C-alpha atoms as a PDB file:
ATOM      1  CA  UNK A   1     207.844 147.743  91.831  1.00  0.00           C
ATOM      2  CA  UNK A   2     211.455 148.211  92.932  1.00  0.00           C
ATOM      3  CA  UNK A   3     212.783 151.738  92.252  1.00  0.00           C
ATOM      4  CA  UNK A   4     216.332 150.383  92.270  1.00  0.00           C
ATOM      5  CA  UNK A   5     215.480 148.042  89.407  1.00  0.00           C
ATOM      6  CA  UNK A   6     214.051 150.962  87.406  1.00  0.00           C
ATOM      7  CA  UNK A   7     217.223 153.003  88.024  1.00  0.00           C
ATOM      8  CA  UNK A   8     219.275 150.051  86.750  1.00  0.00           C
ATOM      9  CA  UNK A   9     217.062 149.812  83.677  1.00  0.00           C
ATOM     10  CA  UNK A  10     217.494 153.572  82.976  1.00  0.00           C
ATOM     11  CA  UNK A  11     221.285 153.456  83.301  1.00  0.00           C
ATOM     12  CA  UNK A  12     221.586 150.366  81.119  1.00  0.00           C
ATOM     13  CA  UNK A  13     219.455 152.093  78.494  1.00  0.00           C
ATOM     14  CA  UNK A  14     221.771 155.110  78.604  1.00  0.00           C
ATOM     15  CA  UNK A  15     225.132 153.316  78.731  1.00  0.00           C
ATOM     16  CA  UNK A  16     224.108 150.293  76.634  1.00  0.00           C
ATOM     17  CA  UNK A  17     226.708 148.179  78.426  1.00  0.00           C
ATOM     18  CA  UNK A  18     226.269 145.812  81.395  1.00  0.00           C
ATOM     19  CA  UNK A  19     229.814 146.306  82.690  1.00  0.00           C
ATOM     20  CA  UNK A  20     229.638 150.111  82.623  1.00  0.00           C
ATOM     21  CA  UNK A  21     226.211 150.044  84.236  1.00  0.00           C
ATOM     22  CA  UNK A  22     227.497 147.812  87.025  1.00  0.00           C
ATOM     23  CA  UNK A  23     230.419 150.181  87.635  1.00  0.00           C
ATOM     24  CA  UNK A  24     228.102 153.181  87.654  1.00  0.00           C
ATOM     25  CA  UNK A  25     225.802 151.609  90.231  1.00  0.00           C
ATOM     26  CA  UNK A  26     228.659 150.058  92.258  1.00  0.00           C
ATOM     27  CA  UNK A  27     227.328 146.542  91.817  1.00  0.00           C
ATOM     28  CA  UNK A  28     228.062 143.442  89.707  1.00  0.00           C
ATOM     29  CA  UNK A  29     227.094 142.594  86.153  1.00  0.00           C
ATOM     30  CA  UNK A  30     225.190 139.604  87.507  1.00  0.00           C
ATOM     31  CA  UNK A  31     223.129 141.913  89.699  1.00  0.00           C
ATOM     32  CA  UNK A  32     222.361 144.163  86.724  1.00  0.00           C
ATOM     33  CA  UNK A  33     221.263 141.145  84.641  1.00  0.00           C
ATOM     34  CA  UNK A  34     219.123 139.876  87.506  1.00  0.00           C
ATOM     35  CA  UNK A  35     217.341 143.209  87.951  1.00  0.00           C
ATOM     36  CA  UNK A  36     216.590 143.511  84.243  1.00  0.00           C
ATOM     37  CA  UNK A  37     215.335 139.913  84.133  1.00  0.00           C
ATOM     38  CA  UNK A  38     213.001 140.637  87.085  1.00  0.00           C
ATOM     39  CA  UNK A  39     211.533 143.650  85.287  1.00  0.00           C
ATOM     40  CA  UNK A  40     211.051 141.667  82.074  1.00  0.00           C
ATOM     41  CA  UNK A  41     209.342 138.903  84.026  1.00  0.00           C
ATOM     42  CA  UNK A  42     207.062 141.366  85.832  1.00  0.00           C
ATOM     43  CA  UNK A  43     205.910 142.983  82.594  1.00  0.00           C
ATOM     44  CA  UNK A  44     206.159 139.784  80.506  1.00  0.00           C
ATOM     45  CA  UNK A  45     208.124 141.607  77.800  1.00  0.00           C
ATOM     46  CA  UNK A  46     211.695 141.816  76.544  1.00  0.00           C
ATOM     47  CA  UNK A  47     213.239 145.215  77.254  1.00  0.00           C
ATOM     48  CA  UNK A  48     216.636 144.745  75.551  1.00  0.00           C
ATOM     49  CA  UNK A  49     217.700 143.092  72.327  1.00  0.00           C
ATOM     50  CA  UNK A  50     220.094 140.301  73.351  1.00  0.00           C
ATOM     51  CA  UNK A  51     221.170 139.670  69.746  1.00  0.00           C
ATOM     52  CA  UNK A  52     223.221 142.864  69.446  1.00  0.00           C
ATOM     53  CA  UNK A  53     226.661 143.436  71.022  1.00  0.00           C
ATOM     54  CA  UNK A  54     225.346 146.421  72.989  1.00  0.00           C
ATOM     55  CA  UNK A  55     222.287 146.546  75.229  1.00  0.00           C
ATOM     56  CA  UNK A  56     219.811 148.027  72.771  1.00  0.00           C
ATOM     57  CA  UNK A  57     216.253 148.818  73.794  1.00  0.00           C
ATOM     58  CA  UNK A  58     213.403 146.984  72.113  1.00  0.00           C
ATOM     59  CA  UNK A  59     210.302 148.983  71.067  1.00  0.00           C
ATOM     60  CA  UNK A  60     208.665 147.943  74.363  1.00  0.00           C
ATOM     61  CA  UNK A  61     211.809 149.005  76.224  1.00  0.00           C
ATOM     62  CA  UNK A  62     211.736 152.456  74.643  1.00  0.00           C
ATOM     63  CA  UNK A  63     208.148 152.937  75.750  1.00  0.00           C
ATOM     64  CA  UNK A  64     208.937 151.762  79.263  1.00  0.00           C
ATOM     65  CA  UNK A  65     211.969 154.074  79.546  1.00  0.00           C
ATOM     66  CA  UNK A  66     209.841 157.217  79.491  1.00  0.00           C
ATOM     67  CA  UNK A  67     207.644 155.904  82.307  1.00  0.00           C
ATOM     68  CA  UNK A  68     210.607 154.646  84.309  1.00  0.00           C
ATOM     69  CA  UNK A  69     212.283 158.062  84.187  1.00  0.00           C
ATOM     70  CA  UNK A  70     209.087 159.761  85.342  1.00  0.00           C
ATOM     71  CA  UNK A  71     208.683 157.307  88.228  1.00  0.00           C
ATOM     72  CA  UNK A  72     212.291 157.693  89.369  1.00  0.00           C
ATOM     73  CA  UNK A  73     212.133 161.488  89.132  1.00  0.00           C
ATOM     74  CA  UNK A  74     208.892 161.537  91.074  1.00  0.00           C
ATOM     75  CA  UNK A  75     210.477 159.349  93.739  1.00  0.00           C
ATOM     76  CA  UNK A  76     213.365 161.813  94.035  1.00  0.00           C
ATOM     77  CA  UNK A  77     210.944 164.704  94.326  1.00  0.00           C
ATOM     78  CA  UNK A  78     208.993 162.864  97.022  1.00  0.00           C
ATOM     79  CA  UNK A  79     212.189 162.198  98.978  1.00  0.00           C
ATOM     80  CA  UNK A  80     213.220 165.877  98.839  1.00  0.00           C
ATOM     81  CA  UNK A  81     209.789 167.035  99.966  1.00  0.00           C
ATOM     82  CA  UNK A  82     209.687 164.581 102.863  1.00  0.00           C
ATOM     83  CA  UNK A  83     213.181 165.603 103.938  1.00  0.00           C
ATOM     84  CA  UNK A  84     212.149 169.233 103.699  1.00  0.00           C
ATOM     85  CA  UNK A  85     209.143 168.601 105.945  1.00  0.00           C
ATOM     86  CA  UNK A  86     211.464 167.087 108.545  1.00  0.00           C
ATOM     87  CA  UNK A  87     213.414 170.356 108.628  1.00  0.00           C
ATOM     88  CA  UNK A  88     216.791 169.018 107.513  1.00  0.00           C
ATOM     89  CA  UNK A  89     216.321 168.875 103.760  1.00  0.00           C
ATOM     90  CA  UNK A  90     214.476 170.374 100.841  1.00  0.00           C
ATOM     91  CA  UNK A  91     215.198 173.742  99.229  1.00  0.00           C
ATOM     92  CA  UNK A  92     215.843 177.027 101.014  1.00  0.00           C
ATOM     93  CA  UNK A  93     216.183 180.319  99.138  1.00  0.00           C
ATOM     94  CA  UNK A  94     218.597 182.810 100.662  1.00  0.00           C
ATOM     95  CA  UNK A  95     219.000 186.444  99.649  1.00  0.00           C
ATOM     96  CA  UNK A  96     222.249 188.167 100.599  1.00  0.00           C
ATOM     97  CA  UNK A  97     223.826 191.583 100.125  1.00  0.00           C
ATOM     98  CA  UNK A  98     227.239 191.740  98.530  1.00  0.00           C
ATOM     99  CA  UNK A  99     228.942 193.165 101.624  1.00  0.00           C
ATOM    100  CA  UNK A 100     228.255 189.812 103.293  1.00  0.00           C
ATOM    101  CA  UNK A 101     229.197 187.829 100.187  1.00  0.00           C
ATOM    102  CA  UNK A 102     232.638 189.470 100.292  1.00  0.00           C
ATOM    103  CA  UNK A 103     233.169 188.639 103.983  1.00  0.00           C
ATOM    104  CA  UNK A 104     231.780 185.706 105.969  1.00  0.00           C
ATOM    105  CA  UNK A 105     229.143 184.235 103.589  1.00  0.00           C
ATOM    106  CA  UNK A 106     231.467 181.513 102.153  1.00  0.00           C
ATOM    107  CA  UNK A 107     232.178 180.311 105.699  1.00  0.00           C
ATOM    108  CA  UNK A 108     228.438 180.221 106.399  1.00  0.00           C
ATOM    109  CA  UNK A 109     227.773 178.123 103.295  1.00  0.00           C
ATOM    110  CA  UNK A 110     230.478 175.662 104.331  1.00  0.00           C
ATOM    111  CA  UNK A 111     228.931 175.362 107.803  1.00  0.00           C
ATOM    112  CA  UNK A 112     225.423 174.875 106.388  1.00  0.00           C
ATOM    113  CA  UNK A 113     226.624 172.148 104.031  1.00  0.00           C
ATOM    114  CA  UNK A 114     228.373 170.422 106.912  1.00  0.00           C
ATOM    115  CA  UNK A 115     225.362 170.591 109.238  1.00  0.00           C
ATOM    116  CA  UNK A 116     222.611 169.955 106.668  1.00  0.00           C
ATOM    117  CA  UNK A 117     224.063 167.860 103.815  1.00  0.00           C
ATOM    118  CA  UNK A 118     220.618 167.145 102.310  1.00  0.00           C
ATOM    119  CA  UNK A 119     219.621 170.806 102.118  1.00  0.00           C
ATOM    120  CA  UNK A 120     219.544 172.395  98.664  1.00  0.00           C
ATOM    121  CA  UNK A 121     220.429 176.100  98.675  1.00  0.00           C
ATOM    122  CA  UNK A 122     219.486 178.769  96.157  1.00  0.00           C
ATOM    123  CA  UNK A 123     221.277 182.103  96.579  1.00  0.00           C
ATOM    124  CA  UNK A 124     220.252 185.489  95.212  1.00  0.00           C
ATOM    125  CA  UNK A 125     222.586 188.462  95.649  1.00  0.00           C
ATOM    126  CA  UNK A 126     221.021 191.905  95.432  1.00  0.00           C
ATOM    127  CA  UNK A 127     220.554 195.192  97.280  1.00  0.00           C
ATOM    128  CA  UNK A 128     218.696 195.275 100.584  1.00  0.00           C
ATOM    129  CA  UNK A 129     215.787 197.173  99.004  1.00  0.00           C
ATOM    130  CA  UNK A 130     215.234 194.440  96.416  1.00  0.00           C
ATOM    131  CA  UNK A 131     215.841 191.591  98.868  1.00  0.00           C
ATOM    132  CA  UNK A 132     213.164 192.935 101.208  1.00  0.00           C
ATOM    133  CA  UNK A 133     210.739 193.041  98.284  1.00  0.00           C
ATOM    134  CA  UNK A 134     211.576 189.414  97.460  1.00  0.00           C
ATOM    135  CA  UNK A 135     211.068 188.337 101.080  1.00  0.00           C
ATOM    136  CA  UNK A 136     207.680 190.048 101.332  1.00  0.00           C
ATOM    137  CA  UNK A 137     206.658 188.383  98.053  1.00  0.00           C
ATOM    138  CA  UNK A 138     207.737 184.948  99.384  1.00  0.00           C
ATOM    139  CA  UNK A 139     210.313 184.704  96.597  1.00  0.00           C
ATOM    140  CA  UNK A 140     213.049 183.997  99.178  1.00  0.00           C
ATOM    141  CA  UNK A 141     212.915 182.409 102.643  1.00  0.00           C
ATOM    142  CA  UNK A 142     215.714 184.266 104.424  1.00  0.00           C
ATOM    143  CA  UNK A 143     217.617 187.485 103.695  1.00  0.00           C
ATOM    144  CA  UNK A 144     220.963 188.599 105.098  1.00  0.00           C
ATOM    145  CA  UNK A 145     220.935 192.357 104.676  1.00  0.00           C
ATOM    146  CA  UNK A 146     221.363 195.762 106.327  1.00  0.00           C
ATOM    147  CA  UNK A 147     217.960 196.989 107.480  1.00  0.00           C
ATOM    148  CA  UNK A 148     215.658 195.569 110.154  1.00  0.00           C
ATOM    149  CA  UNK A 149     212.088 195.179 108.897  1.00  0.00           C
ATOM    150  CA  UNK A 150     210.456 195.916 112.268  1.00  0.00           C
ATOM    151  CA  UNK A 151     207.371 194.037 111.117  1.00  0.00           C
ATOM    152  CA  UNK A 152     205.387 191.672 113.330  1.00  0.00           C
ATOM    153  CA  UNK A 153     205.240 189.088 110.527  1.00  0.00           C
ATOM    154  CA  UNK A 154     209.034 188.852 110.371  1.00  0.00           C
ATOM    155  CA  UNK A 155     211.916 188.135 112.712  1.00  0.00           C
ATOM    156  CA  UNK A 156     214.986 190.402 112.616  1.00  0.00           C
ATOM    157  CA  UNK A 157     218.149 188.917 114.074  1.00  0.00           C
ATOM    158  CA  UNK A 158     221.137 191.288 114.431  1.00  0.00           C
ATOM    159  CA  UNK A 159     224.347 189.687 113.178  1.00  0.00           C
ATOM    160  CA  UNK A 160     227.225 192.171 113.483  1.00  0.00           C
ATOM    161  CA  UNK A 161     228.338 195.660 112.472  1.00  0.00           C
ATOM    162  CA  UNK A 162     230.977 196.761 109.967  1.00  0.00           C
ATOM    163  CA  UNK A 163     232.656 200.147 110.468  1.00  0.00           C
ATOM    164  CA  UNK A 164     232.647 202.318 107.354  1.00  0.00           C
ATOM    165  CA  UNK A 165     235.736 204.290 106.273  1.00  0.00           C
ATOM    166  CA  UNK A 166     236.765 206.551 103.433  1.00  0.00           C
ATOM    167  CA  UNK A 167     239.150 204.699 101.112  1.00  0.00           C
ATOM    168  CA  UNK A 168     241.091 205.579  97.982  1.00  0.00           C
ATOM    169  CA  UNK A 169     243.839 204.377  95.691  1.00  0.00           C
ATOM    170  CA  UNK A 170     247.382 205.314  96.782  1.00  0.00           C
ATOM    171  CA  UNK A 171     247.723 206.899  93.340  1.00  0.00           C
ATOM    172  CA  UNK A 172     245.516 209.789  94.537  1.00  0.00           C
ATOM    173  CA  UNK A 173     248.085 210.639  97.227  1.00  0.00           C
ATOM    174  CA  UNK A 174     245.489 211.342  99.946  1.00  0.00           C
ATOM    175  CA  UNK A 175     246.914 209.284 102.819  1.00  0.00           C
ATOM    176  CA  UNK A 176     249.311 210.283 105.572  1.00  0.00           C
ATOM    177  CA  UNK A 177     247.460 213.451 106.565  1.00  0.00           C
ATOM    178  CA  UNK A 178     243.930 214.499 107.595  1.00  0.00           C
ATOM    179  CA  UNK A 179     241.562 215.021 104.680  1.00  0.00           C
ATOM    180  CA  UNK A 180     238.323 216.990 104.883  1.00  0.00           C
ATOM    181  CA  UNK A 181     235.145 216.520 102.859  1.00  0.00           C
ATOM    182  CA  UNK A 182     235.813 219.606 100.793  1.00  0.00           C
ATOM    183  CA  UNK A 183     239.007 218.007  99.508  1.00  0.00           C
ATOM    184  CA  UNK A 184     237.256 214.682  98.837  1.00  0.00           C
ATOM    185  CA  UNK A 185     234.524 216.488  96.905  1.00  0.00           C
ATOM    186  CA  UNK A 186     237.135 217.373  94.284  1.00  0.00           C
ATOM    187  CA  UNK A 187     237.132 213.701  93.216  1.00  0.00           C
ATOM    188  CA  UNK A 188     234.304 211.558  91.829  1.00  0.00           C
ATOM    189  CA  UNK A 189     232.617 209.948  94.832  1.00  0.00           C
ATOM    190  CA  UNK A 190     231.688 206.244  94.585  1.00  0.00           C
ATOM    191  CA  UNK A 191     228.567 205.345  96.558  1.00  0.00           C
ATOM    192  CA  UNK A 192     226.275 202.414  97.217  1.00  0.00           C
ATOM    193  CA  UNK A 193     223.007 202.334  95.287  1.00  0.00           C
ATOM    194  CA  UNK A 194     220.669 205.323  95.404  1.00  0.00           C
ATOM    195  CA  UNK A 195     218.254 205.384  98.366  1.00  0.00           C
ATOM    196  CA  UNK A 196     220.484 203.010 100.333  1.00  0.00           C
ATOM    197  CA  UNK A 197     221.496 203.895 103.892  1.00  0.00           C
ATOM    198  CA  UNK A 198     225.113 204.742 102.985  1.00  0.00           C
ATOM    199  CA  UNK A 199     224.046 206.872 100.026  1.00  0.00           C
ATOM    200  CA  UNK A 200     221.632 208.887 102.154  1.00  0.00           C
ATOM    201  CA  UNK A 201     224.296 209.314 104.855  1.00  0.00           C
ATOM    202  CA  UNK A 202     226.806 210.429 102.225  1.00  0.00           C
ATOM    203  CA  UNK A 203     224.492 213.082 100.845  1.00  0.00           C
ATOM    204  CA  UNK A 204     223.815 214.319 104.370  1.00  0.00           C
ATOM    205  CA  UNK A 205     227.526 214.560 105.168  1.00  0.00           C
ATOM    206  CA  UNK A 206     228.328 216.576 102.056  1.00  0.00           C
ATOM    207  CA  UNK A 207     225.301 218.847 102.504  1.00  0.00           C
ATOM    208  CA  UNK A 208     226.562 219.669 105.987  1.00  0.00           C
ATOM    209  CA  UNK A 209     230.207 220.297 105.094  1.00  0.00           C
ATOM    210  CA  UNK A 210     230.389 221.313 101.415  1.00  0.00           C
ATOM    211  CA  UNK A 211     228.577 224.262  99.881  1.00  0.00           C
ATOM    212  CA  UNK A 212     228.761 223.328  96.217  1.00  0.00           C
ATOM    213  CA  UNK A 213     227.053 220.279  94.644  1.00  0.00           C
ATOM    214  CA  UNK A 214     229.061 217.060  94.851  1.00  0.00           C
ATOM    215  CA  UNK A 215     229.171 214.486  92.059  1.00  0.00           C
ATOM    216  CA  UNK A 216     228.122 211.152  93.593  1.00  0.00           C
ATOM    217  CA  UNK A 217     228.250 208.032  91.407  1.00  0.00           C
ATOM    218  CA  UNK A 218     225.823 205.331  92.585  1.00  0.00           C
ATOM    219  CA  UNK A 219     226.984 201.759  91.955  1.00  0.00           C
ATOM    220  CA  UNK A 220     224.788 198.724  92.609  1.00  0.00           C
ATOM    221  CA  UNK A 221     227.689 196.266  92.785  1.00  0.00           C
ATOM    222  CA  UNK A 222     230.166 196.219  95.660  1.00  0.00           C
ATOM    223  CA  UNK A 223     232.730 194.430  93.483  1.00  0.00           C
ATOM    224  CA  UNK A 224     232.449 197.214  90.915  1.00  0.00           C
ATOM    225  CA  UNK A 225     232.802 199.855  93.626  1.00  0.00           C
ATOM    226  CA  UNK A 226     235.981 198.269  94.922  1.00  0.00           C
ATOM    227  CA  UNK A 227     237.459 198.000  91.430  1.00  0.00           C
ATOM    228  CA  UNK A 228     236.654 201.596  90.518  1.00  0.00           C
ATOM    229  CA  UNK A 229     238.135 203.020  93.709  1.00  0.00           C
ATOM    230  CA  UNK A 230     241.232 200.791  93.460  1.00  0.00           C
ATOM    231  CA  UNK A 231     241.746 201.936  89.867  1.00  0.00           C
ATOM    232  CA  UNK A 232     241.776 205.553  91.016  1.00  0.00           C
ATOM    233  CA  UNK A 233     238.460 206.553  89.444  1.00  0.00           C
ATOM    234  CA  UNK A 234     237.429 208.273  92.668  1.00  0.00           C
ATOM    235  CA  UNK A 235     237.031 207.936  96.426  1.00  0.00           C
ATOM    236  CA  UNK A 236     234.440 205.943  98.342  1.00  0.00           C
ATOM    237  CA  UNK A 237     233.118 204.824 101.702  1.00  0.00           C
ATOM    238  CA  UNK A 238     233.438 201.053 102.235  1.00  0.00           C
ATOM    239  CA  UNK A 239     233.657 198.626 105.151  1.00  0.00           C
ATOM    240  CA  UNK A 240     237.349 197.715 105.585  1.00  0.00           C
ATOM    241  CA  UNK A 241     236.096 194.241 106.554  1.00  0.00           C
ATOM    242  CA  UNK A 242     235.320 193.472 102.897  1.00  0.00           C
ATOM    243  CA  UNK A 243     238.492 194.933 101.341  1.00  0.00           C
ATOM    244  CA  UNK A 244     241.121 193.185 103.468  1.00  0.00           C
ATOM    245  CA  UNK A 245     242.990 191.804 100.450  1.00  0.00           C
ATOM    246  CA  UNK A 246     243.091 195.187  98.715  1.00  0.00           C
ATOM    247  CA  UNK A 247     244.401 196.820 101.899  1.00  0.00           C
ATOM    248  CA  UNK A 248     247.082 194.147 102.375  1.00  0.00           C
ATOM    249  CA  UNK A 249     248.212 194.390  98.759  1.00  0.00           C
ATOM    250  CA  UNK A 250     248.248 198.194  98.822  1.00  0.00           C
ATOM    251  CA  UNK A 251     245.564 198.603  96.151  1.00  0.00           C
ATOM    252  CA  UNK A 252     243.479 200.632  98.609  1.00  0.00           C
ATOM    253  CA  UNK A 253     244.239 202.658 101.719  1.00  0.00           C
ATOM    254  CA  UNK A 254     242.079 204.021 104.527  1.00  0.00           C
ATOM    255  CA  UNK A 255     241.985 207.802 104.670  1.00  0.00           C
ATOM    256  CA  UNK A 256     242.124 210.010 107.759  1.00  0.00           C
ATOM    257  CA  UNK A 257     238.711 211.656 107.463  1.00  0.00           C
ATOM    258  CA  UNK A 258     236.555 212.867 110.325  1.00  0.00           C
ATOM    259  CA  UNK A 259     232.927 212.251 109.456  1.00  0.00           C
ATOM    260  CA  UNK A 260     229.709 211.101 111.068  1.00  0.00           C
ATOM    261  CA  UNK A 261     229.215 207.708 109.465  1.00  0.00           C
ATOM    262  CA  UNK A 262     227.800 205.085 111.784  1.00  0.00           C
ATOM    263  CA  UNK A 263     228.709 201.374 111.403  1.00  0.00           C
ATOM    264  CA  UNK A 264     226.926 199.242 108.842  1.00  0.00           C
ATOM    265  CA  UNK A 265     224.457 196.920 110.627  1.00  0.00           C
ATOM    266  CA  UNK A 266     223.969 193.407 109.237  1.00  0.00           C
ATOM    267  CA  UNK A 267     220.674 191.656 109.936  1.00  0.00           C
ATOM    268  CA  UNK A 268     219.044 188.307 109.170  1.00  0.00           C
ATOM    269  CA  UNK A 269     215.318 188.560 108.440  1.00  0.00           C
ATOM    270  CA  UNK A 270     212.740 185.870 107.751  1.00  0.00           C
ATOM    271  CA  UNK A 271     208.997 185.355 107.941  1.00  0.00           C
ATOM    272  CA  UNK A 272     207.955 183.843 111.273  1.00  0.00           C
ATOM    273  CA  UNK A 273     205.643 181.297 109.637  1.00  0.00           C
ATOM    274  CA  UNK A 274     207.965 180.148 106.888  1.00  0.00           C
ATOM    275  CA  UNK A 275     210.647 177.593 106.018  1.00  0.00           C
ATOM    276  CA  UNK A 276     211.618 175.566 109.114  1.00  0.00           C
ATOM    277  CA  UNK A 277     215.315 176.018 108.283  1.00  0.00           C
ATOM    278  CA  UNK A 278     215.273 179.826 108.111  1.00  0.00           C
ATOM    279  CA  UNK A 279     215.698 180.382 111.850  1.00  0.00           C
ATOM    280  CA  UNK A 280     218.390 177.697 112.117  1.00  0.00           C
ATOM    281  CA  UNK A 281     220.455 179.182 109.306  1.00  0.00           C
ATOM    282  CA  UNK A 282     220.001 182.654 110.802  1.00  0.00           C
ATOM    283  CA  UNK A 283     221.527 181.296 114.023  1.00  0.00           C
ATOM    284  CA  UNK A 284     224.462 179.857 112.086  1.00  0.00           C
ATOM    285  CA  UNK A 285     224.857 183.193 110.300  1.00  0.00           C
ATOM    286  CA  UNK A 286     225.090 185.016 113.619  1.00  0.00           C
ATOM    287  CA  UNK A 287     227.854 182.702 114.801  1.00  0.00           C
ATOM    288  CA  UNK A 288     229.851 183.043 111.573  1.00  0.00           C
ATOM    289  CA  UNK A 289     229.448 186.826 111.578  1.00  0.00           C
ATOM    290  CA  UNK A 290     230.633 187.031 115.188  1.00  0.00           C
ATOM    291  CA  UNK A 291     233.629 184.788 114.488  1.00  0.00           C
ATOM    292  CA  UNK A 292     234.556 186.893 111.449  1.00  0.00           C
ATOM    293  CA  UNK A 293     234.459 190.127 113.445  1.00  0.00           C
ATOM    294  CA  UNK A 294     236.478 188.692 116.310  1.00  0.00           C
ATOM    295  CA  UNK A 295     239.066 187.198 113.965  1.00  0.00           C
ATOM    296  CA  UNK A 296     239.629 190.512 112.192  1.00  0.00           C
ATOM    297  CA  UNK A 297     240.079 192.423 115.436  1.00  0.00           C
ATOM    298  CA  UNK A 298     241.810 195.785 114.820  1.00  0.00           C
ATOM    299  CA  UNK A 299     241.663 195.187 111.071  1.00  0.00           C
ATOM    300  CA  UNK A 300     238.016 196.180 111.180  1.00  0.00           C
ATOM    301  CA  UNK A 301     239.448 199.739 111.199  1.00  0.00           C
ATOM    302  CA  UNK A 302     237.335 201.320 113.884  1.00  0.00           C
ATOM    303  CA  UNK A 303     235.527 198.470 115.635  1.00  0.00           C
ATOM    304  CA  UNK A 304     235.733 198.692 119.413  1.00  0.00           C
ATOM    305  CA  UNK A 305     235.649 195.748 121.779  1.00  0.00           C
ATOM    306  CA  UNK A 306     232.483 196.714 123.629  1.00  0.00           C
ATOM    307  CA  UNK A 307     230.560 196.989 120.337  1.00  0.00           C
ATOM    308  CA  UNK A 308     231.624 193.493 119.314  1.00  0.00           C
ATOM    309  CA  UNK A 309     230.664 192.140 122.726  1.00  0.00           C
ATOM    310  CA  UNK A 310     227.240 193.759 122.459  1.00  0.00           C
ATOM    311  CA  UNK A 311     226.752 192.019 119.139  1.00  0.00           C
ATOM    312  CA  UNK A 312     227.702 188.671 120.610  1.00  0.00           C
ATOM    313  CA  UNK A 313     225.148 189.006 123.412  1.00  0.00           C
ATOM    314  CA  UNK A 314     222.295 189.760 121.017  1.00  0.00           C
ATOM    315  CA  UNK A 315     223.281 187.193 118.421  1.00  0.00           C
ATOM    316  CA  UNK A 316     223.448 184.320 120.863  1.00  0.00           C
ATOM    317  CA  UNK A 317     219.708 184.554 121.501  1.00  0.00           C
ATOM    318  CA  UNK A 318     218.146 181.614 119.622  1.00  0.00           C
ATOM    319  CA  UNK A 319     215.892 182.866 116.887  1.00  0.00           C
ATOM    320  CA  UNK A 320     213.812 179.717 117.304  1.00  0.00           C
ATOM    321  CA  UNK A 321     211.757 181.726 119.824  1.00  0.00           C
ATOM    322  CA  UNK A 322     210.034 182.881 116.633  1.00  0.00           C
ATOM    323  CA  UNK A 323     209.377 186.467 117.549  1.00  0.00           C
ATOM    324  CA  UNK A 324     210.501 189.625 115.800  1.00  0.00           C
ATOM    325  CA  UNK A 325     213.515 191.327 117.290  1.00  0.00           C
ATOM    326  CA  UNK A 326     214.482 194.937 116.892  1.00  0.00           C
ATOM    327  CA  UNK A 327     218.173 195.658 116.583  1.00  0.00           C
ATOM    328  CA  UNK A 328     219.401 198.245 119.015  1.00  0.00           C
ATOM    329  CA  UNK A 329     219.720 201.768 117.662  1.00  0.00           C
ATOM    330  CA  UNK A 330     223.313 202.278 116.474  1.00  0.00           C
ATOM    331  CA  UNK A 331     225.276 204.588 118.733  1.00  0.00           C
ATOM    332  CA  UNK A 332     226.894 207.655 117.269  1.00  0.00           C
ATOM    333  CA  UNK A 333     230.402 207.008 116.023  1.00  0.00           C
ATOM    334  CA  UNK A 334     233.243 208.346 118.141  1.00  0.00           C
ATOM    335  CA  UNK A 335     235.233 211.199 116.681  1.00  0.00           C
ATOM    336  CA  UNK A 336     237.790 209.857 114.259  1.00  0.00           C
ATOM    337  CA  UNK A 337     235.943 206.554 113.893  1.00  0.00           C
ATOM    338  CA  UNK A 338     233.735 206.969 110.843  1.00  0.00           C
ATOM    339  CA  UNK A 339     231.159 204.400 109.869  1.00  0.00           C
ATOM    340  CA  UNK A 340     227.726 204.053 107.997  1.00  0.00           C
ATOM    341  CA  UNK A 341     224.303 202.404 107.798  1.00  0.00           C
ATOM    342  CA  UNK A 342     223.775 200.745 104.443  1.00  0.00           C
ATOM    343  CA  UNK A 343     221.674 198.882 102.007  1.00  0.00           C
ATOM    344  CA  UNK A 344     224.427 197.411  99.824  1.00  0.00           C
ATOM    345  CA  UNK A 345     224.433 195.648  96.577  1.00  0.00           C
ATOM    346  CA  UNK A 346     224.617 192.597  94.710  1.00  0.00           C
ATOM    347  CA  UNK A 347     226.725 187.816  94.637  1.00  0.00           C
ATOM    348  CA  UNK A 348     225.719 175.333  93.864  1.00  0.00           C
ATOM    349  CA  UNK A 349     226.201 173.665  95.449  1.00  0.00           C
ATOM    350  CA  UNK A 350     223.966 176.618  95.751  1.00  0.00           C
ATOM    351  CA  UNK A 351     222.384 178.030  92.580  1.00  0.00           C
ATOM    352  CA  UNK A 352     223.301 181.650  92.362  1.00  0.00           C
ATOM    353  CA  UNK A 353     221.217 184.320  90.667  1.00  0.00           C
ATOM    354  CA  UNK A 354     223.429 187.380  90.118  1.00  0.00           C
ATOM    355  CA  UNK A 355     222.048 190.693  88.961  1.00  0.00           C
ATOM    356  CA  UNK A 356     224.461 192.906  87.058  1.00  0.00           C
END
């Protein structure tokens, strides 16, 4: 049985017109008629009523349509599975933190589509804590996040680091002079989700420098954090790499604050015995992350050249060696160059699952 003939039969049943069916399938009306005649001869039954002006299914044709659709769909499923087994197709499920979504993730998706046009991508955007849970439960194949798993069942591939800086709306009039944590504590503080690396670092910084309790507002969405700080609701610690537009437009400004935040590490993690495409996409992610960092240059607001070079050396190791890697321990930030370690928050044709 010819699958192409069944596809022609299905489209003619839907469009009920030989000319439109021929245009849809990029063939001729004669070819459509020939394929339908071959099917009718094979089954010794008339599938369409020739007496009507449109191509109307006969009772036998209506029964055959259900089977034809199942056969064609099964053929498509078989093709996807076979392509997936070859490593260049099928479905891969990627989890990603929002700090990456707001920086180099679109460039990565464009590169993946270019390199693997038959690959179907499903994207889930969430916090690192939840993404790690999904990876361990085999609900995703690869996560791009902020915390190395350091587990022998998984590979951790360092991607890059984002410096972290205090930022605020110009309306708060905090720029142009040094600001200490005591002064910042007078404003609502916007933080990444509770128990994340940046939130823990923030609590530690205030406990060290401020005697009274500080009101810290935990937000699970990076987009919401940016909007709240830009609207003057409070102050926050964010990677300048993900707020370039807001900085250019003057909606946000980097403050002169001396604090002990270390840069935000970004890591690709995947199970060693998992989807054959996970390691290859992790390699592409490392290249896109490196290119993004190098392109921003001084706009990273605190990145230094030797740190970027270190990242490049680690990232260029092919993850296809299929062994877990431990990212190097982040070095303490230089005075005047604040940063942080984070577990950020939540982002067809990839299918995107967004959590509010």
